[in-house]
């Protein structure tokens, strides 16, 4: 084992200890406002998990930030439409909803940044390349990797029942998280750069946070529903078309094969 790997493994255990300590002792207990406390708790937990995930990425020798290439921006922009649509633009414009709330916008921004970075590094940065490596860099392997990683990403949101025992709301969150996971998976495979996925995830969650913490009234009015359906069909149709036509040989290489693994493969 190389010295660098040993250092990263030590840092991993220290990062895990830090995360467990923060989870057990919960430094947000003294915050009086319940919404700000919830935002702070989610932000602290997600951000404290990032160092451990980064250590895993280094240990696995994953490469998640390929150099931007021609066409990446056009491939990225349709996903931005999905994220923008999560803001309550139409309900505010038509007067069926209005902005009001005691939560901090800055706390919301920190929270969505922490969640977006942590979840994208974990699910698109580690899980998706792992599945692709195991299932094969073929069209079938690509499809199954996208479906499995996005489904796992969606199902993991059932954990939210612990803090918010609203089954209907959590079921809805599981559904749209699965779809967002599939969208980000396609985006990552198409660009090879995790930052595009993080940007879409953060933007989507920020719009959802505005709905949850700062919007009162009827958010899902008829114009909003119709716009969401049309945008979703157009955007997901575009990415579905891309996946059907995509040549697996153009898939990015996410993992750097080390010399020891090459030698081990020859000796097997």
C-alpha atoms as a PDB file:
ATOM      1  CA  UNK A   1       0.000   0.000   0.000  1.00  0.00           C
ATOM      2  CA  UNK A   2       1.341   3.420  -0.952  1.00  0.00           C
ATOM      3  CA  UNK A   3       2.021   6.053   1.714  1.00  0.00           C
ATOM      4  CA  UNK A   4      -0.631   8.339   0.219  1.00  0.00           C
ATOM      5  CA  UNK A   5      -3.243   5.597   0.516  1.00  0.00           C
ATOM      6  CA  UNK A   6      -2.334   5.039   4.174  1.00  0.00           C
ATOM      7  CA  UNK A   7      -2.721   8.750   4.868  1.00  0.00           C
ATOM      8  CA  UNK A   8      -6.124   8.841   3.167  1.00  0.00           C
ATOM      9  CA  UNK A   9      -7.289   5.784   5.127  1.00  0.00           C
ATOM     10  CA  UNK A  10      -6.280   7.406   8.401  1.00  0.00           C
ATOM     11  CA  UNK A  11      -8.075  10.602   7.394  1.00  0.00           C
ATOM     12  CA  UNK A  12     -11.115   8.516   6.489  1.00  0.00           C
ATOM     13  CA  UNK A  13     -11.383   7.040   9.986  1.00  0.00           C
ATOM     14  CA  UNK A  14     -10.886  10.461  11.560  1.00  0.00           C
ATOM     15  CA  UNK A  15     -13.582  11.927   9.296  1.00  0.00           C
ATOM     16  CA  UNK A  16     -15.996   9.123  10.193  1.00  0.00           C
ATOM     17  CA  UNK A  17     -15.342   9.701  13.897  1.00  0.00           C
ATOM     18  CA  UNK A  18     -16.055  13.413  13.415  1.00  0.00           C
ATOM     19  CA  UNK A  19     -19.312  12.679  11.595  1.00  0.00           C
ATOM     20  CA  UNK A  20     -20.503  10.218  14.265  1.00  0.00           C
ATOM     21  CA  UNK A  21     -19.603  12.678  17.018  1.00  0.00           C
ATOM     22  CA  UNK A  22     -21.563  15.485  15.361  1.00  0.00           C
ATOM     23  CA  UNK A  23     -24.551  13.179  14.808  1.00  0.00           C
ATOM     24  CA  UNK A  24     -24.599  12.008  18.444  1.00  0.00           C
ATOM     25  CA  UNK A  25     -24.026  15.341  20.180  1.00  0.00           C
ATOM     26  CA  UNK A  26     -26.071  17.467  17.709  1.00  0.00           C
ATOM     27  CA  UNK A  27     -24.612  20.998  18.033  1.00  0.00           C
ATOM     28  CA  UNK A  28     -27.868  22.520  16.718  1.00  0.00           C
ATOM     29  CA  UNK A  29     -29.967  21.788  19.814  1.00  0.00           C
ATOM     30  CA  UNK A  30     -29.726  25.367  21.083  1.00  0.00           C
ATOM     31  CA  UNK A  31     -31.313  26.960  17.988  1.00  0.00           C
ATOM     32  CA  UNK A  32     -34.795  28.174  18.948  1.00  0.00           C
ATOM     33  CA  UNK A  33     -36.436  28.628  15.536  1.00  0.00           C
ATOM     34  CA  UNK A  34     -37.502  25.115  14.377  1.00  0.00           C
ATOM     35  CA  UNK A  35     -37.013  25.827  10.672  1.00  0.00           C
ATOM     36  CA  UNK A  36     -33.550  27.306  11.135  1.00  0.00           C
ATOM     37  CA  UNK A  37     -32.659  24.416  13.422  1.00  0.00           C
ATOM     38  CA  UNK A  38     -33.751  21.898  10.792  1.00  0.00           C
ATOM     39  CA  UNK A  39     -31.787  23.693   8.064  1.00  0.00           C
ATOM     40  CA  UNK A  40     -28.682  23.950  10.260  1.00  0.00           C
ATOM     41  CA  UNK A  41     -28.847  20.305  11.305  1.00  0.00           C
ATOM     42  CA  UNK A  42     -29.133  19.082   7.710  1.00  0.00           C
ATOM     43  CA  UNK A  43     -26.307  21.390   6.632  1.00  0.00           C
ATOM     44  CA  UNK A  44     -23.969  20.344   9.454  1.00  0.00           C
ATOM     45  CA  UNK A  45     -24.565  16.611   8.937  1.00  0.00           C
ATOM     46  CA  UNK A  46     -24.107  16.726   5.159  1.00  0.00           C
ATOM     47  CA  UNK A  47     -21.055  18.973   5.263  1.00  0.00           C
ATOM     48  CA  UNK A  48     -19.434  16.862   7.996  1.00  0.00           C
ATOM     49  CA  UNK A  49     -19.869  13.771   5.773  1.00  0.00           C
ATOM     50  CA  UNK A  50     -18.032  15.326   2.812  1.00  0.00           C
ATOM     51  CA  UNK A  51     -14.448  14.771   4.134  1.00  0.00           C
ATOM     52  CA  UNK A  52     -15.097  11.022   4.544  1.00  0.00           C
ATOM     53  CA  UNK A  53     -16.509  10.792   1.013  1.00  0.00           C
ATOM     54  CA  UNK A  54     -13.535  12.716  -0.420  1.00  0.00           C
ATOM     55  CA  UNK A  55     -11.191  10.281   1.354  1.00  0.00           C
ATOM     56  CA  UNK A  56     -13.031   7.345  -0.269  1.00  0.00           C
ATOM     57  CA  UNK A  57     -12.715   9.002  -3.677  1.00  0.00           C
ATOM     58  CA  UNK A  58      -8.959   9.386  -3.179  1.00  0.00           C
ATOM     59  CA  UNK A  59      -8.525   5.817  -1.923  1.00  0.00           C
ATOM     60  CA  UNK A  60     -10.429   4.464  -4.940  1.00  0.00           C
ATOM     61  CA  UNK A  61      -8.407   6.734  -7.293  1.00  0.00           C
ATOM     62  CA  UNK A  62     -11.551   8.135  -8.894  1.00  0.00           C
ATOM     63  CA  UNK A  63     -11.404  10.956 -11.416  1.00  0.00           C
ATOM     64  CA  UNK A  64     -14.610  12.967 -11.305  1.00  0.00           C
ATOM     65  CA  UNK A  65     -13.696  16.278 -12.945  1.00  0.00           C
ATOM     66  CA  UNK A  66     -12.804  15.698 -16.554  1.00  0.00           C
ATOM     67  CA  UNK A  67     -11.848  18.807 -18.498  1.00  0.00           C
ATOM     68  CA  UNK A  68     -14.935  20.516 -19.986  1.00  0.00           C
ATOM     69  CA  UNK A  69     -15.300  19.769 -23.673  1.00  0.00           C
ATOM     70  CA  UNK A  70     -17.189  21.217 -26.606  1.00  0.00           C
ATOM     71  CA  UNK A  71     -20.881  20.483 -26.333  1.00  0.00           C
ATOM     72  CA  UNK A  72     -20.965  20.066 -22.523  1.00  0.00           C
ATOM     73  CA  UNK A  73     -22.840  23.335 -22.018  1.00  0.00           C
ATOM     74  CA  UNK A  74     -25.599  22.417 -24.477  1.00  0.00           C
ATOM     75  CA  UNK A  75     -25.871  18.995 -22.832  1.00  0.00           C
ATOM     76  CA  UNK A  76     -26.083  20.643 -19.391  1.00  0.00           C
ATOM     77  CA  UNK A  77     -28.654  23.372 -20.101  1.00  0.00           C
ATOM     78  CA  UNK A  78     -31.779  21.141 -20.449  1.00  0.00           C
ATOM     79  CA  UNK A  79     -31.132  19.814 -16.916  1.00  0.00           C
ATOM     80  CA  UNK A  80     -31.032  23.414 -15.699  1.00  0.00           C
ATOM     81  CA  UNK A  81     -34.617  23.843 -16.943  1.00  0.00           C
ATOM     82  CA  UNK A  82     -35.774  21.041 -14.622  1.00  0.00           C
ATOM     83  CA  UNK A  83     -34.051  22.712 -11.683  1.00  0.00           C
ATOM     84  CA  UNK A  84     -35.425  26.163 -12.532  1.00  0.00           C
ATOM     85  CA  UNK A  85     -38.928  24.736 -12.799  1.00  0.00           C
ATOM     86  CA  UNK A  86     -38.706  23.690  -9.139  1.00  0.00           C
ATOM     87  CA  UNK A  87     -38.933  27.366  -8.117  1.00  0.00           C
ATOM     88  CA  UNK A  88     -42.473  28.668  -7.474  1.00  0.00           C
ATOM     89  CA  UNK A  89     -42.319  31.176 -10.352  1.00  0.00           C
ATOM     90  CA  UNK A  90     -45.802  30.674 -11.776  1.00  0.00           C
ATOM     91  CA  UNK A  91     -47.637  30.350  -8.464  1.00  0.00           C
ATOM     92  CA  UNK A  92     -46.086  33.638  -7.305  1.00  0.00           C
ATOM     93  CA  UNK A  93     -46.789  35.347 -10.641  1.00  0.00           C
ATOM     94  CA  UNK A  94     -50.446  34.264 -10.683  1.00  0.00           C
ATOM     95  CA  UNK A  95     -50.970  35.222  -7.035  1.00  0.00           C
ATOM     96  CA  UNK A  96     -51.934  31.759  -5.777  1.00  0.00           C
ATOM     97  CA  UNK A  97     -48.915  31.830  -3.447  1.00  0.00           C
ATOM     98  CA  UNK A  98     -46.782  34.462  -1.753  1.00  0.00           C
ATOM     99  CA  UNK A  99     -43.381  34.633  -0.074  1.00  0.00           C
ATOM    100  CA  UNK A 100     -43.314  34.577   3.709  1.00  0.00           C
ATOM    101  CA  UNK A 101     -41.218  32.776   6.312  1.00  0.00           C
ATOM    102  CA  UNK A 102     -38.919  33.080   9.308  1.00  0.00           C
ATOM    103  CA  UNK A 103     -36.129  30.852   8.032  1.00  0.00           C
ATOM    104  CA  UNK A 104     -32.764  32.241   6.902  1.00  0.00           C
ATOM    105  CA  UNK A 105     -32.089  32.308   3.158  1.00  0.00           C
ATOM    106  CA  UNK A 106     -28.361  32.065   3.896  1.00  0.00           C
ATOM    107  CA  UNK A 107     -28.903  28.916   5.963  1.00  0.00           C
ATOM    108  CA  UNK A 108     -30.936  27.459   3.112  1.00  0.00           C
ATOM    109  CA  UNK A 109     -28.146  28.248   0.652  1.00  0.00           C
ATOM    110  CA  UNK A 110     -25.516  26.598   2.883  1.00  0.00           C
ATOM    111  CA  UNK A 111     -27.782  23.612   3.420  1.00  0.00           C
ATOM    112  CA  UNK A 112     -28.441  23.002  -0.292  1.00  0.00           C
ATOM    113  CA  UNK A 113     -24.732  23.406  -1.084  1.00  0.00           C
ATOM    114  CA  UNK A 114     -23.842  20.824   1.560  1.00  0.00           C
ATOM    115  CA  UNK A 115     -26.536  18.397   0.429  1.00  0.00           C
ATOM    116  CA  UNK A 116     -25.760  18.831  -3.267  1.00  0.00           C
ATOM    117  CA  UNK A 117     -22.007  18.319  -2.922  1.00  0.00           C
ATOM    118  CA  UNK A 118     -22.286  15.415  -0.470  1.00  0.00           C
ATOM    119  CA  UNK A 119     -24.987  13.478  -2.333  1.00  0.00           C
ATOM    120  CA  UNK A 120     -23.486  13.962  -5.784  1.00  0.00           C
ATOM    121  CA  UNK A 121     -20.010  12.877  -4.639  1.00  0.00           C
ATOM    122  CA  UNK A 122     -21.498   9.802  -2.950  1.00  0.00           C
ATOM    123  CA  UNK A 123     -24.094   8.647  -5.490  1.00  0.00           C
ATOM    124  CA  UNK A 124     -22.803   9.908  -8.826  1.00  0.00           C
ATOM    125  CA  UNK A 125     -19.136  10.182  -7.814  1.00  0.00           C
ATOM    126  CA  UNK A 126     -18.695   6.787  -6.130  1.00  0.00           C
ATOM    127  CA  UNK A 127     -21.765   4.564  -6.622  1.00  0.00           C
ATOM    128  CA  UNK A 128     -22.305   5.165 -10.359  1.00  0.00           C
ATOM    129  CA  UNK A 129     -18.672   4.470 -11.440  1.00  0.00           C
ATOM    130  CA  UNK A 130     -18.628   1.413  -9.124  1.00  0.00           C
ATOM    131  CA  UNK A 131     -21.750  -0.029 -10.761  1.00  0.00           C
ATOM    132  CA  UNK A 132     -20.481   0.780 -14.251  1.00  0.00           C
ATOM    133  CA  UNK A 133     -17.186  -0.958 -13.513  1.00  0.00           C
ATOM    134  CA  UNK A 134     -18.927  -4.055 -12.165  1.00  0.00           C
ATOM    135  CA  UNK A 135     -21.726  -4.276 -14.763  1.00  0.00           C
ATOM    136  CA  UNK A 136     -19.541  -3.442 -17.748  1.00  0.00           C
ATOM    137  CA  UNK A 137     -19.012  -0.408 -19.963  1.00  0.00           C
ATOM    138  CA  UNK A 138     -21.668  -1.545 -22.430  1.00  0.00           C
ATOM    139  CA  UNK A 139     -25.041  -0.029 -23.301  1.00  0.00           C
ATOM    140  CA  UNK A 140     -26.755  -2.581 -21.056  1.00  0.00           C
ATOM    141  CA  UNK A 141     -24.297  -1.909 -18.232  1.00  0.00           C
ATOM    142  CA  UNK A 142     -24.809   1.842 -18.638  1.00  0.00           C
ATOM    143  CA  UNK A 143     -28.602   1.543 -18.460  1.00  0.00           C
ATOM    144  CA  UNK A 144     -28.588  -0.749 -15.420  1.00  0.00           C
ATOM    145  CA  UNK A 145     -26.019   1.464 -13.663  1.00  0.00           C
ATOM    146  CA  UNK A 146     -28.191   4.548 -14.175  1.00  0.00           C
ATOM    147  CA  UNK A 147     -31.369   2.778 -13.048  1.00  0.00           C
ATOM    148  CA  UNK A 148     -29.764   1.165  -9.991  1.00  0.00           C
ATOM    149  CA  UNK A 149     -27.890   4.243  -8.799  1.00  0.00           C
ATOM    150  CA  UNK A 150     -30.926   6.524  -9.197  1.00  0.00           C
ATOM    151  CA  UNK A 151     -33.237   4.006  -7.509  1.00  0.00           C
ATOM    152  CA  UNK A 152     -30.878   3.612  -4.547  1.00  0.00           C
ATOM    153  CA  UNK A 153     -30.589   7.403  -4.368  1.00  0.00           C
ATOM    154  CA  UNK A 154     -34.375   7.712  -4.270  1.00  0.00           C
ATOM    155  CA  UNK A 155     -34.997   4.907  -1.780  1.00  0.00           C
ATOM    156  CA  UNK A 156     -32.395   6.273   0.662  1.00  0.00           C
ATOM    157  CA  UNK A 157     -34.707   9.271   1.160  1.00  0.00           C
ATOM    158  CA  UNK A 158     -37.056   7.009   3.137  1.00  0.00           C
ATOM    159  CA  UNK A 159     -34.655   7.807   5.982  1.00  0.00           C
ATOM    160  CA  UNK A 160     -36.369  11.213   6.152  1.00  0.00           C
ATOM    161  CA  UNK A 161     -39.293   9.458   7.865  1.00  0.00           C
ATOM    162  CA  UNK A 162     -37.158   9.500  11.022  1.00  0.00           C
ATOM    163  CA  UNK A 163     -37.334  13.284  11.325  1.00  0.00           C
ATOM    164  CA  UNK A 164     -40.515  14.020   9.346  1.00  0.00           C
ATOM    165  CA  UNK A 165     -43.030  11.133   9.682  1.00  0.00           C
ATOM    166  CA  UNK A 166     -45.173  12.328   6.753  1.00  0.00           C
ATOM    167  CA  UNK A 167     -45.452   9.238   4.551  1.00  0.00           C
ATOM    168  CA  UNK A 168     -47.103  10.977   1.580  1.00  0.00           C
ATOM    169  CA  UNK A 169     -44.505  13.768   1.495  1.00  0.00           C
ATOM    170  CA  UNK A 170     -41.594  11.318   1.800  1.00  0.00           C
ATOM    171  CA  UNK A 171     -43.038   9.063  -0.938  1.00  0.00           C
ATOM    172  CA  UNK A 172     -43.200  12.088  -3.237  1.00  0.00           C
ATOM    173  CA  UNK A 173     -39.618  12.979  -2.308  1.00  0.00           C
ATOM    174  CA  UNK A 174     -38.471   9.424  -3.068  1.00  0.00           C
ATOM    175  CA  UNK A 175     -40.147   9.640  -6.491  1.00  0.00           C
ATOM    176  CA  UNK A 176     -38.691  12.942  -7.635  1.00  0.00           C
ATOM    177  CA  UNK A 177     -35.296  12.121  -6.075  1.00  0.00           C
ATOM    178  CA  UNK A 178     -35.152   8.974  -8.206  1.00  0.00           C
ATOM    179  CA  UNK A 179     -35.897  11.007 -11.332  1.00  0.00           C
ATOM    180  CA  UNK A 180     -33.345  13.666 -10.364  1.00  0.00           C
ATOM    181  CA  UNK A 181     -30.815  10.898  -9.728  1.00  0.00           C
ATOM    182  CA  UNK A 182     -31.375   9.494 -13.231  1.00  0.00           C
ATOM    183  CA  UNK A 183     -31.014  12.970 -14.712  1.00  0.00           C
ATOM    184  CA  UNK A 184     -27.740  13.632 -12.866  1.00  0.00           C
ATOM    185  CA  UNK A 185     -26.441  10.162 -13.763  1.00  0.00           C
ATOM    186  CA  UNK A 186     -27.007  10.850 -17.465  1.00  0.00           C
ATOM    187  CA  UNK A 187     -25.410  14.274 -17.044  1.00  0.00           C
ATOM    188  CA  UNK A 188     -22.339  12.771 -15.364  1.00  0.00           C
ATOM    189  CA  UNK A 189     -21.896  10.032 -17.965  1.00  0.00           C
ATOM    190  CA  UNK A 190     -22.306  12.564 -20.752  1.00  0.00           C
ATOM    191  CA  UNK A 191     -19.810  15.127 -19.421  1.00  0.00           C
ATOM    192  CA  UNK A 192     -17.529  13.234 -17.020  1.00  0.00           C
ATOM    193  CA  UNK A 193     -17.603  16.246 -14.697  1.00  0.00           C
ATOM    194  CA  UNK A 194     -19.337  16.031 -11.311  1.00  0.00           C
ATOM    195  CA  UNK A 195     -19.678  19.813 -11.036  1.00  0.00           C
ATOM    196  CA  UNK A 196     -22.484  19.866 -13.605  1.00  0.00           C
ATOM    197  CA  UNK A 197     -24.426  17.412 -11.432  1.00  0.00           C
ATOM    198  CA  UNK A 198     -23.733  19.426  -8.268  1.00  0.00           C
ATOM    199  CA  UNK A 199     -24.926  22.642  -9.947  1.00  0.00           C
ATOM    200  CA  UNK A 200     -28.244  21.083 -11.027  1.00  0.00           C
ATOM    201  CA  UNK A 201     -28.765  19.394  -7.651  1.00  0.00           C
ATOM    202  CA  UNK A 202     -28.080  22.595  -5.674  1.00  0.00           C
ATOM    203  CA  UNK A 203     -30.330  24.673  -7.918  1.00  0.00           C
ATOM    204  CA  UNK A 204     -33.147  22.100  -7.714  1.00  0.00           C
ATOM    205  CA  UNK A 205     -32.929  21.867  -3.917  1.00  0.00           C
ATOM    206  CA  UNK A 206     -32.790  25.648  -3.511  1.00  0.00           C
ATOM    207  CA  UNK A 207     -36.041  25.982  -5.452  1.00  0.00           C
ATOM    208  CA  UNK A 208     -37.593  23.237  -3.331  1.00  0.00           C
ATOM    209  CA  UNK A 209     -36.357  24.997  -0.182  1.00  0.00           C
ATOM    210  CA  UNK A 210     -38.014  28.249  -1.279  1.00  0.00           C
ATOM    211  CA  UNK A 211     -41.255  26.276  -1.671  1.00  0.00           C
ATOM    212  CA  UNK A 212     -40.922  24.608   1.733  1.00  0.00           C
ATOM    213  CA  UNK A 213     -39.665  27.421   3.951  1.00  0.00           C
ATOM    214  CA  UNK A 214     -40.680  30.684   2.272  1.00  0.00           C
ATOM    215  CA  UNK A 215     -43.849  30.088   0.232  1.00  0.00           C
ATOM    216  CA  UNK A 216     -47.415  30.078   1.531  1.00  0.00           C
ATOM    217  CA  UNK A 217     -50.600  29.430  -0.416  1.00  0.00           C
ATOM    218  CA  UNK A 218     -51.185  27.116  -3.368  1.00  0.00           C
ATOM    219  CA  UNK A 219     -47.882  26.353  -5.061  1.00  0.00           C
ATOM    220  CA  UNK A 220     -49.141  23.611  -7.373  1.00  0.00           C
ATOM    221  CA  UNK A 221     -51.755  25.551  -9.304  1.00  0.00           C
ATOM    222  CA  UNK A 222     -52.838  24.569 -12.833  1.00  0.00           C
ATOM    223  CA  UNK A 223     -50.205  26.662 -14.715  1.00  0.00           C
ATOM    224  CA  UNK A 224     -47.422  25.222 -12.529  1.00  0.00           C
ATOM    225  CA  UNK A 225     -48.608  21.647 -13.073  1.00  0.00           C
ATOM    226  CA  UNK A 226     -48.916  22.104 -16.852  1.00  0.00           C
ATOM    227  CA  UNK A 227     -45.483  23.765 -17.084  1.00  0.00           C
ATOM    228  CA  UNK A 228     -43.899  20.996 -14.991  1.00  0.00           C
ATOM    229  CA  UNK A 229     -45.406  18.271 -17.170  1.00  0.00           C
ATOM    230  CA  UNK A 230     -44.329  19.928 -20.436  1.00  0.00           C
ATOM    231  CA  UNK A 231     -40.791  20.736 -19.243  1.00  0.00           C
ATOM    232  CA  UNK A 232     -40.338  17.237 -17.758  1.00  0.00           C
ATOM    233  CA  UNK A 233     -41.494  15.478 -20.930  1.00  0.00           C
ATOM    234  CA  UNK A 234     -39.230  17.634 -23.111  1.00  0.00           C
ATOM    235  CA  UNK A 235     -36.114  17.380 -20.927  1.00  0.00           C
ATOM    236  CA  UNK A 236     -36.365  13.717 -19.966  1.00  0.00           C
ATOM    237  CA  UNK A 237     -37.249  12.894 -23.573  1.00  0.00           C
ATOM    238  CA  UNK A 238     -34.040  14.607 -24.700  1.00  0.00           C
ATOM    239  CA  UNK A 239     -31.859  12.687 -22.253  1.00  0.00           C
ATOM    240  CA  UNK A 240     -33.633   9.425 -23.069  1.00  0.00           C
ATOM    241  CA  UNK A 241     -32.938  10.066 -26.756  1.00  0.00           C
ATOM    242  CA  UNK A 242     -29.283  10.746 -25.913  1.00  0.00           C
ATOM    243  CA  UNK A 243     -28.935   7.499 -23.914  1.00  0.00           C
ATOM    244  CA  UNK A 244     -30.490   5.429 -26.684  1.00  0.00           C
ATOM    245  CA  UNK A 245     -28.002   6.838 -29.213  1.00  0.00           C
ATOM    246  CA  UNK A 246     -24.950   7.050 -26.953  1.00  0.00           C
ATOM    247  CA  UNK A 247     -21.927   4.908 -27.846  1.00  0.00           C
ATOM    248  CA  UNK A 248     -20.585   3.231 -24.637  1.00  0.00           C
ATOM    249  CA  UNK A 249     -17.053   3.582 -25.999  1.00  0.00           C
ATOM    250  CA  UNK A 250     -17.387   7.325 -25.357  1.00  0.00           C
ATOM    251  CA  UNK A 251     -18.088   6.814 -21.641  1.00  0.00           C
ATOM    252  CA  UNK A 252     -15.621   8.751 -19.459  1.00  0.00           C
ATOM    253  CA  UNK A 253     -12.930   6.851 -17.576  1.00  0.00           C
ATOM    254  CA  UNK A 254     -13.628   7.537 -13.916  1.00  0.00           C
ATOM    255  CA  UNK A 255     -11.088   5.280 -12.241  1.00  0.00           C
ATOM    256  CA  UNK A 256      -7.336   5.341 -12.611  1.00  0.00           C
ATOM    257  CA  UNK A 257      -5.964   1.786 -12.658  1.00  0.00           C
ATOM    258  CA  UNK A 258      -2.936   1.561 -10.388  1.00  0.00           C
ATOM    259  CA  UNK A 259       0.217  -0.422 -11.204  1.00  0.00           C
ATOM    260  CA  UNK A 260      -0.427  -2.906  -8.390  1.00  0.00           C
ATOM    261  CA  UNK A 261      -3.867  -3.723  -9.843  1.00  0.00           C
ATOM    262  CA  UNK A 262      -2.412  -4.180 -13.320  1.00  0.00           C
ATOM    263  CA  UNK A 263       0.263  -6.532 -11.962  1.00  0.00           C
ATOM    264  CA  UNK A 264      -2.315  -8.378  -9.898  1.00  0.00           C
ATOM    265  CA  UNK A 265      -4.467  -8.878 -12.974  1.00  0.00           C
ATOM    266  CA  UNK A 266      -1.510 -10.314 -14.925  1.00  0.00           C
ATOM    267  CA  UNK A 267      -0.599 -12.715 -12.144  1.00  0.00           C
ATOM    268  CA  UNK A 268      -4.162 -13.974 -11.599  1.00  0.00           C
END
